[in-house]
Amino acid sequence: MNIKRIVIVGTMACVITVIPGISGHTSSKAYAAAFPAMLSHLDKSRETGKDRFIESLGLTNERVLYDSLLEGQSLADIAESNEKEIDTVIQLQTEQLQQQLTQRFASGQLSETAYRLQMEETPEIIKESVYQSYRILE
């Protein structure tokens, strides 16, 4: 697996889950009205006021996540240090990234072939990325 691809997809998945506005939650209602079967499982974190991703890592806010990632911890390290199951984090990130792909497909931004291929490879890429750590600050 190309390390650049893992870094890019891992970063995308993290940003999508940490910053709900980027992941299309503001426009998800319009898509859900047009495609209820495809989007019936949309993340409800915006409505509840809680960020499921932050909670799945056992954290209380985004700042702690940001600082931990800058210090070189992987998502798996963060979850383990907070006694949380990494499989929950992987499943949540996979669901959220696949939701975004579904929205892009529904809006015509992705071809059917690209959609199917990306949906297929998403779980493996996410699984690899949660164990990856990077040293940003020395």
Foldseek 3Di string as FASTA:
>chain_A
DDPVVLVVLLVVLVCCQQPVVVLCPVPVVVLCVVPVVLQVPPDCCVVVVHRVLCVQLVHDHDVVVVVCLQQWQFSVRSSVVNVHDVVVNLVVSLVSVLNSLSVCVSVPVDDPVRNVVCNVCSSVSSVVRRRGGDHNDD
